[in-house]
Amino acid sequence: MREEEEEEKAVLEQIFGSSSEESDGSDGYSDGEREGEWEWESISEVKGLWLCPNFLSPRHQSRILASIQSQNWFPSPSINQAMRFGLQHLPSWAPPLAHSIRRSIRLQAHNPPPFPPHILHREPLFDQMIANVYQPGEGICAHVDLLRFDDGIAILSLESDCVMHFTNASLSVPVLLTPGSLILMSGEARYHWKHEINRSPEFQIWQGRQLTQSKRTSITLRKLSPSTP
């Protein structure tokens, strides 16, 4: 187990940096500090839905956003989506991000855990990524992710606050996504609940407070179903 943890740490440092890089006292943190902030919350109304509000620090969010900008995925406002299939085509920071998700779950004592064992231990954890950019007022309609993708989906939210609603035939459950937050969906949350974001007309309300909207970037990590050609 110790050797496996050392390998994971080395991979994480490729994008998230080492503790020595973060020792200047600014908005960074050491590995230990990051682990201390990984607090997973179960959204009790939606079985299989988990939220980690502080998954990435502002510095680490900026690194991912800078990488996206340097690769010019979104050269104009009319292009707002980028998809990558297969480990060899994922951006360099995606596998370390997946490793950090796995590690954050292993460090928790929840029963059941945020991902069930058959998802947590699969290799690779994810092999497909979709990045979306939403301008103020833009959201996404209610949907369930395509069945071509396996169980277990992770969504990283960057830049702007937003409220995502999870709905079934009789209930709507709002979840606040702050910059750097991560949600995991598996089981019922993945297959039996739709999720959507409605930011029109350019603002949302959370617990009586109006959220200021700006550009939002989301990163979704999934794994292709074994039956997908």
Protein backbone atom coordinates (compact mmCIF):
# COMPACT_ATOMS: atom_id res chain seq x y z
CA MET A 1 0.00 0.00 0.00
CA ARG A 2 2.87 2.40 0.80
CA GLU A 3 4.38 1.92 -2.67
CA GLU A 4 1.00 2.56 -4.27
CA GLU A 5 0.58 5.77 -2.26
CA GLU A 6 4.03 6.99 -3.33
CA GLU A 7 3.18 6.36 -6.99
CA GLU A 8 -0.08 8.29 -6.62
CA LYS A 9 1.73 11.18 -4.96
CA ALA A 10 4.25 11.38 -7.80
CA VAL A 11 1.46 11.49 -10.36
CA LEU A 12 -0.42 14.19 -8.45
CA GLU A 13 2.66 16.42 -8.36
CA GLN A 14 2.72 16.51 -12.16
CA ILE A 15 -0.17 18.97 -12.13
CA PHE A 16 -0.75 19.90 -8.51
CA GLY A 17 2.89 20.47 -7.56
CA SER A 18 4.86 19.34 -4.55
CA SER A 19 4.51 20.66 -1.02
CA SER A 20 7.80 22.52 -1.45
CA GLU A 21 6.30 24.49 -4.33
CA GLU A 22 3.48 25.58 -2.08
CA SER A 23 5.67 26.63 0.85
CA ASP A 24 5.59 30.36 0.06
CA GLY A 25 2.55 30.88 2.27
CA SER A 26 0.27 32.09 -0.51
CA ASP A 27 -2.92 30.37 -1.60
CA GLY A 28 -1.22 26.99 -1.96
CA TYR A 29 -1.06 24.23 0.57
CA SER A 30 0.90 21.12 1.33
CA ASP A 31 -0.40 17.66 0.48
CA GLY A 32 -1.42 17.17 4.08
CA GLU A 33 -3.41 20.39 4.12
CA ARG A 34 -5.19 19.40 0.91
CA GLU A 35 -6.17 16.02 2.34
CA GLY A 36 -7.53 17.74 5.42
CA GLU A 37 -9.91 19.75 3.24
CA TRP A 38 -11.30 16.73 1.38
CA GLU A 39 -14.67 16.49 3.11
CA TRP A 40 -17.25 14.48 1.22
CA GLU A 41 -20.93 15.21 1.83
CA SER A 42 -23.70 12.79 0.92
CA ILE A 43 -26.73 14.47 -0.67
CA SER A 44 -29.19 12.36 1.28
CA GLU A 45 -32.21 12.90 -0.97
CA VAL A 46 -30.35 11.48 -3.98
CA LYS A 47 -28.80 8.08 -3.35
CA GLY A 48 -25.35 7.88 -4.92
CA LEU A 49 -24.78 11.66 -5.09
CA TRP A 50 -21.78 13.11 -3.24
CA LEU A 51 -20.28 16.60 -3.04
CA CYS A 52 -16.78 17.73 -2.07
CA PRO A 53 -17.07 21.56 -1.82
CA ASN A 54 -13.32 22.29 -1.58
CA PHE A 55 -11.78 19.65 -3.79
CA LEU A 56 -9.30 21.98 -5.53
CA SER A 57 -7.67 25.15 -4.22
CA PRO A 58 -7.82 28.40 -6.25
CA ARG A 59 -4.21 27.88 -7.32
CA HIS A 60 -4.83 24.40 -8.63
CA GLN A 61 -7.99 25.53 -10.38
CA SER A 62 -5.94 28.23 -12.10
CA ARG A 63 -3.40 25.67 -13.28
CA ILE A 64 -6.06 23.59 -14.99
CA LEU A 65 -7.70 26.65 -16.54
CA ALA A 66 -4.32 27.90 -17.77
CA SER A 67 -3.65 24.51 -19.34
CA ILE A 68 -7.01 24.60 -21.13
CA GLN A 69 -6.28 28.10 -22.41
CA SER A 70 -2.81 27.13 -23.62
CA GLN A 71 -4.29 24.25 -25.63
CA ASN A 72 -6.77 26.64 -27.29
CA TRP A 73 -9.78 24.36 -26.89
CA PHE A 74 -12.18 27.30 -27.08
CA PRO A 75 -10.81 29.73 -29.70
CA SER A 76 -14.14 31.57 -30.09
CA PRO A 77 -17.38 32.01 -28.10
CA SER A 78 -19.19 29.76 -30.58
CA ILE A 79 -16.99 26.82 -29.53
CA ASN A 80 -17.93 25.86 -26.00
CA GLN A 81 -17.27 22.13 -25.76
CA ALA A 82 -14.22 19.87 -26.04
CA MET A 83 -14.29 16.08 -25.80
CA ARG A 84 -11.44 13.60 -25.44
CA PHE A 85 -11.72 9.80 -25.70
CA GLY A 86 -9.10 7.28 -24.55
CA LEU A 87 -6.30 7.66 -22.02
CA GLN A 88 -3.80 8.58 -24.71
CA HIS A 89 -5.92 11.58 -25.73
CA LEU A 90 -6.71 12.97 -22.29
CA PRO A 91 -4.94 16.18 -21.22
CA SER A 92 -1.91 15.67 -19.00
CA TRP A 93 -3.73 16.85 -15.89
CA ALA A 94 -6.71 14.46 -16.25
CA PRO A 95 -5.04 11.24 -14.97
CA PRO A 96 -3.63 13.05 -11.90
CA LEU A 97 -7.07 14.50 -11.27
CA ALA A 98 -8.54 10.99 -11.39
CA HIS A 99 -5.84 9.77 -8.98
CA SER A 100 -6.70 12.56 -6.55
CA ILE A 101 -10.39 11.62 -6.72
CA ARG A 102 -9.55 8.02 -5.91
CA ARG A 103 -7.23 9.05 -3.09
CA SER A 104 -9.75 11.47 -1.57
CA ILE A 105 -12.33 8.67 -1.40
CA ARG A 106 -9.89 6.23 0.17
CA LEU A 107 -9.12 8.73 2.91
CA GLN A 108 -12.77 8.99 3.95
CA ALA A 109 -14.50 6.77 6.50
CA HIS A 110 -17.99 6.99 5.01
CA ASN A 111 -20.06 3.83 4.75
CA PRO A 112 -21.03 3.54 1.98
CA PRO A 113 -18.13 5.44 0.34
CA PRO A 114 -18.68 8.13 -2.33
CA PHE A 115 -17.93 5.53 -5.02
CA PRO A 116 -18.69 1.83 -4.46
CA PRO A 117 -15.68 -0.54 -4.60
CA HIS A 118 -16.39 -1.88 -8.09
CA ILE A 119 -16.03 1.66 -9.45
CA LEU A 120 -13.27 2.85 -7.15
CA HIS A 121 -10.95 -0.04 -8.02
CA ARG A 122 -11.48 -0.19 -11.77
CA GLU A 123 -8.64 0.66 -14.13
CA PRO A 124 -8.68 3.22 -15.47
CA LEU A 125 -11.07 5.06 -13.25
CA PHE A 126 -11.97 7.33 -16.22
CA ASP A 127 -11.02 7.28 -19.89
CA GLN A 128 -13.23 10.04 -21.30
CA MET A 129 -13.43 13.76 -20.60
CA ILE A 130 -15.73 16.54 -21.69
CA ALA A 131 -15.07 20.21 -20.95
CA ASN A 132 -17.82 22.80 -21.29
CA VAL A 133 -17.77 26.58 -21.06
CA TYR A 134 -20.96 28.39 -20.06
CA GLN A 135 -21.35 32.14 -20.43
CA PRO A 136 -23.62 34.07 -18.01
CA GLY A 137 -27.19 32.96 -18.56
CA GLU A 138 -26.22 29.66 -20.16
CA GLY A 139 -26.93 26.31 -18.55
CA ILE A 140 -27.77 22.77 -19.55
CA CYS A 141 -31.17 21.09 -19.87
CA ALA A 142 -32.28 18.18 -17.71
CA HIS A 143 -30.68 14.93 -18.81
CA VAL A 144 -29.20 11.59 -17.81
CA ASP A 145 -25.75 10.91 -19.26
CA LEU A 146 -25.72 8.50 -22.19
CA LEU A 147 -25.64 4.78 -21.45
CA ARG A 148 -22.50 4.48 -23.57
CA PHE A 149 -20.76 5.69 -20.40
CA ASP A 150 -20.32 3.37 -17.44
CA ASP A 151 -21.47 3.98 -13.89
CA GLY A 152 -19.52 6.52 -11.85
CA ILE A 153 -19.26 10.11 -13.15
CA ALA A 154 -17.27 13.04 -11.72
CA ILE A 155 -17.97 16.72 -12.45
CA LEU A 156 -15.48 19.43 -11.48
CA SER A 157 -16.89 22.97 -11.38
CA LEU A 158 -14.64 25.98 -12.05
CA GLU A 159 -14.92 29.78 -12.10
CA SER A 160 -18.56 30.71 -11.36
CA ASP A 161 -20.94 29.54 -8.64
CA CYS A 162 -24.03 27.76 -9.91
CA VAL A 163 -26.93 25.65 -8.70
CA MET A 164 -27.42 22.21 -10.23
CA HIS A 165 -30.84 20.64 -9.83
CA PHE A 166 -31.35 16.89 -9.60
CA THR A 167 -34.86 15.81 -10.50
CA ASN A 168 -36.96 12.68 -10.65
CA ALA A 169 -40.70 12.22 -11.15
CA SER A 170 -41.64 13.86 -7.85
CA LEU A 171 -38.68 15.78 -6.42
CA SER A 172 -36.16 18.48 -7.29
CA VAL A 173 -32.99 18.71 -5.20
CA PRO A 174 -30.74 21.79 -5.59
CA VAL A 175 -26.98 21.49 -5.05
CA LEU A 176 -24.67 24.51 -4.86
CA LEU A 177 -21.51 24.08 -6.93
CA THR A 178 -18.76 26.51 -5.94
CA PRO A 179 -15.45 26.96 -7.79
CA GLY A 180 -13.25 23.94 -7.10
CA SER A 181 -16.12 21.72 -6.00
CA LEU A 182 -16.54 18.16 -7.24
CA ILE A 183 -19.63 15.99 -7.43
CA LEU A 184 -19.76 12.23 -7.92
CA MET A 185 -22.75 10.35 -9.33
CA SER A 186 -23.23 6.60 -9.19
CA GLY A 187 -26.10 4.14 -8.99
CA GLU A 188 -29.46 5.87 -8.67
CA ALA A 189 -27.96 9.38 -8.98
CA ARG A 190 -26.33 8.42 -12.25
CA TYR A 191 -29.17 6.43 -13.87
CA HIS A 192 -32.47 7.49 -12.27
CA TRP A 193 -32.07 11.23 -11.63
CA LYS A 194 -31.78 13.94 -14.26
CA HIS A 195 -29.46 16.89 -13.62
CA GLU A 196 -29.69 20.39 -15.05
CA ILE A 197 -28.46 23.96 -14.64
CA ASN A 198 -30.80 26.86 -15.40
CA ARG A 199 -29.03 30.22 -15.13
CA SER A 200 -31.50 32.27 -17.19
CA PRO A 201 -31.94 35.23 -16.92
CA GLU A 202 -28.27 35.37 -15.88
CA PHE A 203 -28.71 34.83 -12.18
CA GLN A 204 -29.68 32.12 -9.74
CA ILE A 205 -30.96 32.13 -6.18
CA TRP A 206 -29.42 30.01 -3.44
CA GLN A 207 -31.05 30.09 0.00
CA GLY A 208 -32.51 33.54 -0.67
CA ARG A 209 -29.24 34.97 -1.99
CA GLN A 210 -28.70 35.98 -5.61
CA LEU A 211 -25.58 34.42 -7.09
CA THR A 212 -23.39 36.61 -9.26
CA GLN A 213 -22.87 34.84 -12.55
CA SER A 214 -19.73 34.86 -14.65
CA LYS A 215 -18.23 32.41 -17.09
CA ARG A 216 -18.28 28.84 -15.77
CA THR A 217 -16.15 25.90 -16.87
CA SER A 218 -17.01 22.30 -16.05
CA ILE A 219 -14.88 19.19 -16.43
CA THR A 220 -16.70 15.86 -16.57
CA LEU A 221 -14.79 12.60 -16.26
CA ARG A 222 -16.43 9.33 -17.33
CA LYS A 223 -15.53 5.83 -18.43
CA LEU A 224 -16.79 4.26 -21.61
CA SER A 225 -18.97 1.22 -21.04
CA PRO A 226 -17.18 -2.09 -21.80
CA SER A 227 -19.85 -2.79 -24.41
CA THR A 228 -19.08 0.42 -26.33
CA PRO A 229 -17.24 -0.35 -29.61
